[in-house]
Amino acid sequence: MIAAPLPDDENARLSTLRVLQVLDTDPEERFDRLTRMARRLFQVPIALVSLVDADRQWFKSAQGLDVPETPRDISFCGHAIMSDDILLIPDTHADPRFADNPLVTGGPRIRFYAGCPVRAPSGHRLGTLCLIDRAPRGFDTDDQATLRDLAFMVEQQFAAMYMAMVDELTGLANRRGFESQAGHVLALCRRQQWPATLLYFDLDHFKHVNDRYGHAEGDWALKSFADILRFCLRSSDVVARTGGDEFVALLSGTATEQMAPALERVRTQVGALNLRAQRGYELAFSVGDAAMSGEAPLALEELMQQADAAMYAHKQSRRRMN
């Protein structure tokens, strides 16, 4: 068995998947309708909408399969999300990547697999619409075109979810997406008595960038800073753009102990970007933080207010120094 490698955009892909908040949700008719259609059209025993998480593939819709998920390292869909093409395995016994895979040698005894990647509007491949048979079979160009059409319908459903929860410019969560995600994370922290830290970022002199260099340049600055946050923080941290030049990040559990190193990584990456880009101005930010212990939880609104006040104090002190 050969496990699939990780995509080059793995961190951003997982971040997008987290923002959608679709993992571990209840079945929905809009997805089940499409897997029923796929199962009927292709006369296969199993049709799935599979989402590839960090260490598992989880099924948003499953026709003909009773388990909700399987490990990622044995998944077929982990291979399928490596490109935009359909992954077609006419006979798993003849493919060295899968011949001894536990899903082939044991239940559900996969002999045929066809998986079409499904993407978020950002372009990140979230998972697949896939077909499974227990006997080898062919799959001609018309079959492939039909599978692509059905996968596009799945993408449309994810697009509707994406637009409601994601900031279109940066690909981070928007305020609504952040509040929903952060609410779930803080509820988990309360149950597990974990600490949490909220970071509140504000770009310095951003109005000057827009006024002097134009809004396209301002957009570049926002996207660049979002990419730095995405790179420097964990994929499980909740990161969002909540306003024009305001960003927040919620770190939970052991991540709170790494707040200082994480902020130092952000500062280092911003400094490197300024040296590399030479845009005529320097990207800079002010940041404030608010923390809660596992024994004394706080509401999200209170954390936001405390971190915002700390950020403002930091900004004022930096202005006095300058």
Protein backbone atom coordinates (compact mmCIF):
# COMPACT_ATOMS: atom_id res chain seq x y z
CA MET A 1 0.00 0.00 0.00
CA ILE A 2 1.21 3.51 -0.85
CA ALA A 3 -0.15 6.39 1.23
CA ALA A 4 -0.88 9.64 -0.58
CA PRO A 5 1.51 12.57 -0.15
CA LEU A 6 0.26 15.87 1.26
CA PRO A 7 -0.84 18.56 -1.21
CA ASP A 8 1.37 21.65 -1.46
CA ASP A 9 -1.50 23.79 -0.15
CA GLU A 10 -2.29 21.47 2.77
CA ASN A 11 -2.37 24.13 5.51
CA ALA A 12 -4.60 26.50 3.52
CA ARG A 13 -6.75 23.57 2.40
CA LEU A 14 -7.34 22.44 5.98
CA SER A 15 -7.98 26.02 7.06
CA THR A 16 -10.69 26.33 4.41
CA LEU A 17 -12.20 23.04 5.50
CA ARG A 18 -12.29 24.24 9.13
CA VAL A 19 -13.92 27.54 8.16
CA LEU A 20 -16.75 25.74 6.36
CA GLN A 21 -17.61 23.93 9.62
CA VAL A 22 -18.97 20.97 7.73
CA LEU A 23 -16.96 18.21 9.43
CA ASP A 24 -18.95 16.02 11.83
CA THR A 25 -22.25 17.69 10.89
CA ASP A 26 -25.51 15.86 10.33
CA PRO A 27 -26.50 14.47 6.91
CA GLU A 28 -28.11 17.00 4.56
CA GLU A 29 -30.58 16.25 1.81
CA ARG A 30 -28.79 18.53 -0.67
CA PHE A 31 -25.73 16.24 -0.55
CA ASP A 32 -27.60 12.95 -0.09
CA ARG A 33 -29.65 13.70 -3.19
CA LEU A 34 -26.48 13.87 -5.27
CA THR A 35 -24.97 10.65 -3.90
CA ARG A 36 -28.27 8.85 -4.47
CA MET A 37 -28.26 10.13 -8.03
CA ALA A 38 -24.66 9.02 -8.55
CA ARG A 39 -25.34 5.56 -7.16
CA ARG A 40 -28.38 5.13 -9.41
CA LEU A 41 -26.79 6.56 -12.58
CA PHE A 42 -23.65 4.44 -12.37
CA GLN A 43 -25.24 1.36 -10.79
CA VAL A 44 -22.62 1.13 -8.05
CA PRO A 45 -23.19 -0.08 -4.49
CA ILE A 46 -21.41 2.89 -2.87
CA ALA A 47 -21.35 6.63 -3.60
CA LEU A 48 -19.78 9.15 -1.23
CA VAL A 49 -19.08 12.83 -0.68
CA SER A 50 -15.78 12.46 1.14
CA LEU A 51 -13.88 15.28 2.86
CA VAL A 52 -10.17 14.80 3.55
CA ASP A 53 -9.27 16.03 7.03
CA ALA A 54 -5.80 16.11 8.59
CA ASP A 55 -5.80 12.44 9.60
CA ARG A 56 -9.07 10.99 8.29
CA GLN A 57 -11.51 11.06 5.43
CA TRP A 58 -14.98 11.88 6.68
CA PHE A 59 -18.17 11.29 4.72
CA LYS A 60 -20.62 14.15 4.47
CA SER A 61 -22.91 11.86 2.49
CA ALA A 62 -22.67 8.09 2.20
CA GLN A 63 -24.88 5.76 0.20
CA GLY A 64 -24.15 2.07 0.71
CA LEU A 65 -21.54 2.51 3.45
CA ASP A 66 -22.27 2.52 7.18
CA VAL A 67 -19.02 3.90 8.63
CA PRO A 68 -18.73 7.73 9.01
CA GLU A 69 -14.99 7.92 8.32
CA THR A 70 -11.77 6.00 7.64
CA PRO A 71 -8.10 6.85 8.31
CA ARG A 72 -6.59 9.21 5.78
CA ASP A 73 -3.44 7.13 5.30
CA ILE A 74 -5.46 4.30 3.72
CA SER A 75 -7.89 6.52 1.85
CA PHE A 76 -8.30 6.57 -1.91
CA CYS A 77 -9.57 10.16 -1.74
CA GLY A 78 -6.26 11.30 -0.25
CA HIS A 79 -4.75 10.38 -3.61
CA ALA A 80 -7.63 11.91 -5.56
CA ILE A 81 -7.17 15.42 -4.13
CA MET A 82 -3.61 15.60 -5.46
CA SER A 83 -4.88 16.82 -8.86
CA ASP A 84 -7.99 18.16 -10.57
CA ASP A 85 -8.35 15.03 -12.72
CA ILE A 86 -10.60 12.12 -11.88
CA LEU A 87 -8.71 9.37 -10.07
CA LEU A 88 -9.80 6.22 -11.87
CA ILE A 89 -8.88 2.75 -10.59
CA PRO A 90 -10.60 0.16 -12.84
CA ASP A 91 -9.22 -2.76 -10.78
CA THR A 92 -7.52 -2.22 -7.44
CA HIS A 93 -5.93 -5.67 -7.55
CA ALA A 94 -3.89 -4.51 -10.56
CA ASP A 95 -2.74 -1.24 -8.95
CA PRO A 96 0.29 -1.48 -6.62
CA ARG A 97 -0.84 1.63 -4.70
CA PHE A 98 -4.00 -0.13 -3.54
CA ALA A 99 -3.73 -3.90 -4.03
CA ASP A 100 -2.93 -4.55 -0.35
CA ASN A 101 -4.94 -1.63 1.05
CA PRO A 102 -7.10 -2.70 4.04
CA LEU A 103 -10.16 -1.25 2.28
CA VAL A 104 -9.42 -3.65 -0.59
CA THR A 105 -8.40 -6.77 1.32
CA GLY A 106 -11.15 -6.19 3.92
CA GLY A 107 -14.48 -4.35 3.98
CA PRO A 108 -15.83 -2.74 1.88
CA ARG A 109 -13.57 -4.75 -0.53
CA ILE A 110 -13.03 -2.02 -3.10
CA ARG A 111 -12.25 -3.31 -6.60
CA PHE A 112 -13.26 -0.20 -8.58
CA TYR A 113 -12.88 3.44 -7.59
CA ALA A 114 -13.60 6.71 -9.41
CA GLY A 115 -13.17 9.95 -7.47
CA CYS A 116 -13.63 13.46 -8.80
CA PRO A 117 -12.12 16.21 -6.60
CA VAL A 118 -14.52 18.84 -5.23
CA ARG A 119 -13.11 22.30 -4.58
CA ALA A 120 -13.96 25.36 -2.56
CA PRO A 121 -14.27 28.66 -4.47
CA SER A 122 -10.72 29.36 -3.29
CA GLY A 123 -9.56 26.45 -5.45
CA HIS A 124 -8.53 24.20 -2.56
CA ARG A 125 -9.56 20.58 -3.04
CA LEU A 126 -11.65 19.62 -0.04
CA GLY A 127 -12.44 16.02 -0.95
CA THR A 128 -14.25 14.07 -3.64
CA LEU A 129 -17.47 12.77 -5.03
CA CYS A 130 -16.50 9.14 -5.44
CA LEU A 131 -17.93 5.87 -6.69
CA ILE A 132 -17.00 2.41 -5.37
CA ASP A 133 -17.76 -1.03 -6.74
CA ARG A 134 -16.85 -4.47 -5.46
CA ALA A 135 -16.06 -5.70 -8.95
CA PRO A 136 -13.68 -4.29 -11.57
CA ARG A 137 -15.34 -2.28 -14.33
CA GLY A 138 -14.78 0.22 -17.11
CA PHE A 139 -15.53 3.93 -16.99
CA ASP A 140 -15.64 5.68 -20.37
CA THR A 141 -15.39 9.37 -21.26
CA ASP A 142 -19.16 9.87 -21.02
CA ASP A 143 -19.15 8.37 -17.53
CA GLN A 144 -16.32 10.67 -16.55
CA ALA A 145 -18.15 13.73 -17.90
CA THR A 146 -21.25 12.80 -15.90
CA LEU A 147 -19.22 12.34 -12.72
CA ARG A 148 -17.64 15.78 -13.25
CA ASP A 149 -21.09 17.31 -13.65
CA LEU A 150 -22.27 15.78 -10.38
CA ALA A 151 -19.07 16.87 -8.61
CA PHE A 152 -19.69 20.42 -9.84
CA MET A 153 -23.12 20.29 -8.19
CA VAL A 154 -21.43 19.27 -4.94
CA GLU A 155 -19.04 22.20 -5.35
CA GLN A 156 -21.98 24.57 -5.74
CA GLN A 157 -23.31 23.46 -2.34
CA PHE A 158 -19.92 24.05 -0.73
CA ALA A 159 -19.68 27.41 -2.50
CA ALA A 160 -22.92 28.55 -0.87
CA MET A 161 -21.53 27.58 2.54
CA TYR A 162 -18.18 29.21 1.73
CA MET A 163 -19.63 32.57 0.73
CA ALA A 164 -21.54 32.80 4.00
CA MET A 165 -18.54 32.07 6.23
CA VAL A 166 -15.41 33.19 4.37
CA ASP A 167 -13.84 36.56 3.59
CA GLU A 168 -13.64 36.57 -0.19
CA LEU A 169 -10.43 38.61 -0.42
CA THR A 170 -8.21 36.71 2.00
CA GLY A 171 -9.84 33.29 2.19
CA LEU A 172 -9.89 33.50 6.00
CA ALA A 173 -13.08 33.26 8.01
CA ASN A 174 -15.22 36.40 8.04
CA ARG A 175 -16.78 37.74 11.24
CA ARG A 176 -19.76 35.40 11.00
CA GLY A 177 -17.53 32.42 10.33
CA PHE A 178 -15.20 33.36 13.17
CA GLU A 179 -17.98 33.82 15.71
CA SER A 180 -19.46 30.46 14.82
CA GLN A 181 -16.12 28.61 14.84
CA ALA A 182 -14.85 30.35 17.95
CA GLY A 183 -18.08 29.59 19.79
CA HIS A 184 -17.58 25.86 19.18
CA VAL A 185 -13.91 26.03 20.19
CA LEU A 186 -14.64 27.91 23.43
CA ALA A 187 -17.41 25.46 24.31
CA LEU A 188 -14.89 22.63 23.90
CA CYS A 189 -12.38 24.53 26.05
CA ARG A 190 -14.97 24.89 28.79
CA ARG A 191 -15.78 21.18 28.71
CA GLN A 192 -12.13 20.11 28.71
CA GLN A 193 -10.95 22.94 31.01
CA TRP A 194 -8.45 24.09 28.40
CA PRO A 195 -6.99 27.60 28.26
CA ALA A 196 -7.55 29.86 25.26
CA THR A 197 -5.95 33.05 23.99
CA LEU A 198 -7.39 35.54 21.54
CA LEU A 199 -5.05 37.73 19.46
CA TYR A 200 -6.39 40.94 17.92
CA PHE A 201 -4.34 42.39 15.04
CA ASP A 202 -4.70 45.78 13.35
CA LEU A 203 -2.55 46.88 10.40
CA ASP A 204 -0.80 50.18 11.04
CA HIS A 205 -1.24 53.12 8.64
CA PHE A 206 -3.44 51.04 6.35
CA LYS A 207 -5.49 54.08 5.30
CA HIS A 208 -2.25 55.69 4.10
CA VAL A 209 -1.53 52.64 1.93
CA ASN A 210 -4.96 52.84 0.31
CA ASP A 211 -4.84 56.62 -0.15
CA ARG A 212 -1.33 56.80 -1.59
CA TYR A 213 -0.94 53.51 -3.44
CA GLY A 214 -4.53 52.60 -4.30
CA HIS A 215 -7.01 49.97 -3.19
CA ALA A 216 -5.39 47.23 -5.26
CA GLU A 217 -2.22 47.71 -3.24
CA GLY A 218 -4.28 47.71 -0.05
CA ASP A 219 -5.78 44.39 -1.12
CA TRP A 220 -2.27 43.01 -1.69
CA ALA A 221 -1.29 44.06 1.83
CA LEU A 222 -4.35 42.41 3.37
CA LYS A 223 -3.86 39.17 1.46
CA SER A 224 -0.15 39.10 2.29
CA PHE A 225 -0.80 39.54 6.00
CA ALA A 226 -3.51 36.87 5.90
CA ASP A 227 -1.05 34.47 4.26
CA ILE A 228 1.50 35.18 6.99
CA LEU A 229 -1.05 34.43 9.75
CA ARG A 230 -2.05 31.25 7.97
CA PHE A 231 1.60 30.19 7.68
CA CYS A 232 2.63 31.07 11.24
CA LEU A 233 -0.36 29.69 13.16
CA ARG A 234 -1.68 26.13 13.38
CA SER A 235 -4.30 24.92 10.95
CA SER A 236 -6.50 24.19 13.98
CA ASP A 237 -6.33 27.80 15.21
CA VAL A 238 -9.33 29.94 14.28
CA VAL A 239 -8.04 32.83 12.16
CA ALA A 240 -10.28 35.49 10.62
CA ARG A 241 -10.47 38.90 9.03
CA THR A 242 -13.20 40.60 11.03
CA GLY A 243 -13.02 44.12 9.60
CA GLY A 244 -11.29 46.27 7.02
CA ASP A 245 -7.74 45.92 8.41
CA GLU A 246 -8.51 43.88 11.52
CA PHE A 247 -7.65 40.22 12.04
CA VAL A 248 -8.17 37.88 14.98
CA ALA A 249 -6.84 34.47 15.94
CA LEU A 250 -8.13 32.15 18.66
CA LEU A 251 -5.55 29.74 20.05
CA SER A 252 -6.76 26.92 22.27
CA GLY A 253 -5.20 24.31 24.50
CA THR A 254 -1.44 23.97 24.41
CA ALA A 255 -1.24 26.59 21.64
CA THR A 256 -1.71 29.33 24.24
CA GLU A 257 1.72 28.49 25.64
CA GLN A 258 3.16 29.15 22.18
CA MET A 259 1.64 32.62 21.78
CA ALA A 260 4.94 34.50 22.14
CA PRO A 261 6.85 32.28 19.67
CA ALA A 262 3.89 32.49 17.25
CA LEU A 263 3.87 36.30 17.41
CA GLU A 264 7.62 36.34 16.89
CA ARG A 265 7.17 34.20 13.78
CA VAL A 266 4.58 36.66 12.49
CA ARG A 267 6.92 39.59 13.09
CA THR A 268 9.80 37.77 11.41
CA GLN A 269 7.70 36.91 8.36
CA VAL A 270 6.37 40.47 8.07
CA GLY A 271 9.95 41.79 8.24
CA ALA A 272 11.06 39.34 5.57
CA LEU A 273 8.15 40.33 3.37
CA ASN A 274 9.05 44.03 3.65
CA LEU A 275 12.67 43.32 2.67
CA ARG A 276 11.64 41.10 -0.20
CA ALA A 277 8.73 43.07 -1.63
CA GLN A 278 10.05 46.66 -1.51
CA ARG A 279 6.56 48.14 -2.08
CA GLY A 280 7.48 51.68 -1.03
CA TYR A 281 6.02 51.28 2.47
CA GLU A 282 6.42 48.83 5.32
CA LEU A 283 3.68 46.49 6.39
CA ALA A 284 3.32 46.75 10.16
CA PHE A 285 0.78 45.74 12.78
CA SER A 286 -0.30 46.30 16.35
CA VAL A 287 -1.58 43.36 18.40
CA GLY A 288 -3.33 42.78 21.69
CA ASP A 289 -4.18 39.57 23.48
CA ALA A 290 -6.69 38.31 26.01
CA ALA A 291 -6.50 34.95 27.75
CA MET A 292 -8.70 32.71 29.81
CA SER A 293 -7.70 29.77 31.96
CA GLY A 294 -9.36 26.39 31.89
CA GLU A 295 -10.80 27.03 35.33
CA ALA A 296 -12.15 30.53 34.56
CA PRO A 297 -13.71 30.55 31.08
CA LEU A 298 -14.80 33.77 29.39
CA ALA A 299 -17.38 34.54 26.72
CA LEU A 300 -16.12 35.30 23.22
CA GLU A 301 -17.43 38.87 23.41
CA GLU A 302 -15.42 39.51 26.57
CA LEU A 303 -12.24 38.07 25.06
CA MET A 304 -12.75 40.24 21.96
CA GLN A 305 -13.23 43.39 24.03
CA GLN A 306 -10.17 42.74 26.18
CA ALA A 307 -7.95 41.92 23.20
CA ASP A 308 -9.22 44.95 21.27
CA ALA A 309 -8.40 47.23 24.22
CA ALA A 310 -4.93 45.67 24.54
CA MET A 311 -4.34 46.15 20.80
CA TYR A 312 -5.34 49.81 21.01
CA ALA A 313 -2.98 50.34 23.96
CA HIS A 314 -0.17 48.70 21.98
CA LYS A 315 -0.87 50.93 18.97
CA GLN A 316 -0.85 54.07 21.12
CA SER A 317 2.44 53.12 22.78
CA ARG A 318 4.06 52.49 19.39
CA ARG A 319 2.86 55.87 18.14
CA ARG A 320 4.43 57.58 21.16
CA MET A 321 7.71 55.80 20.50
CA ASN A 322 7.66 56.97 16.89
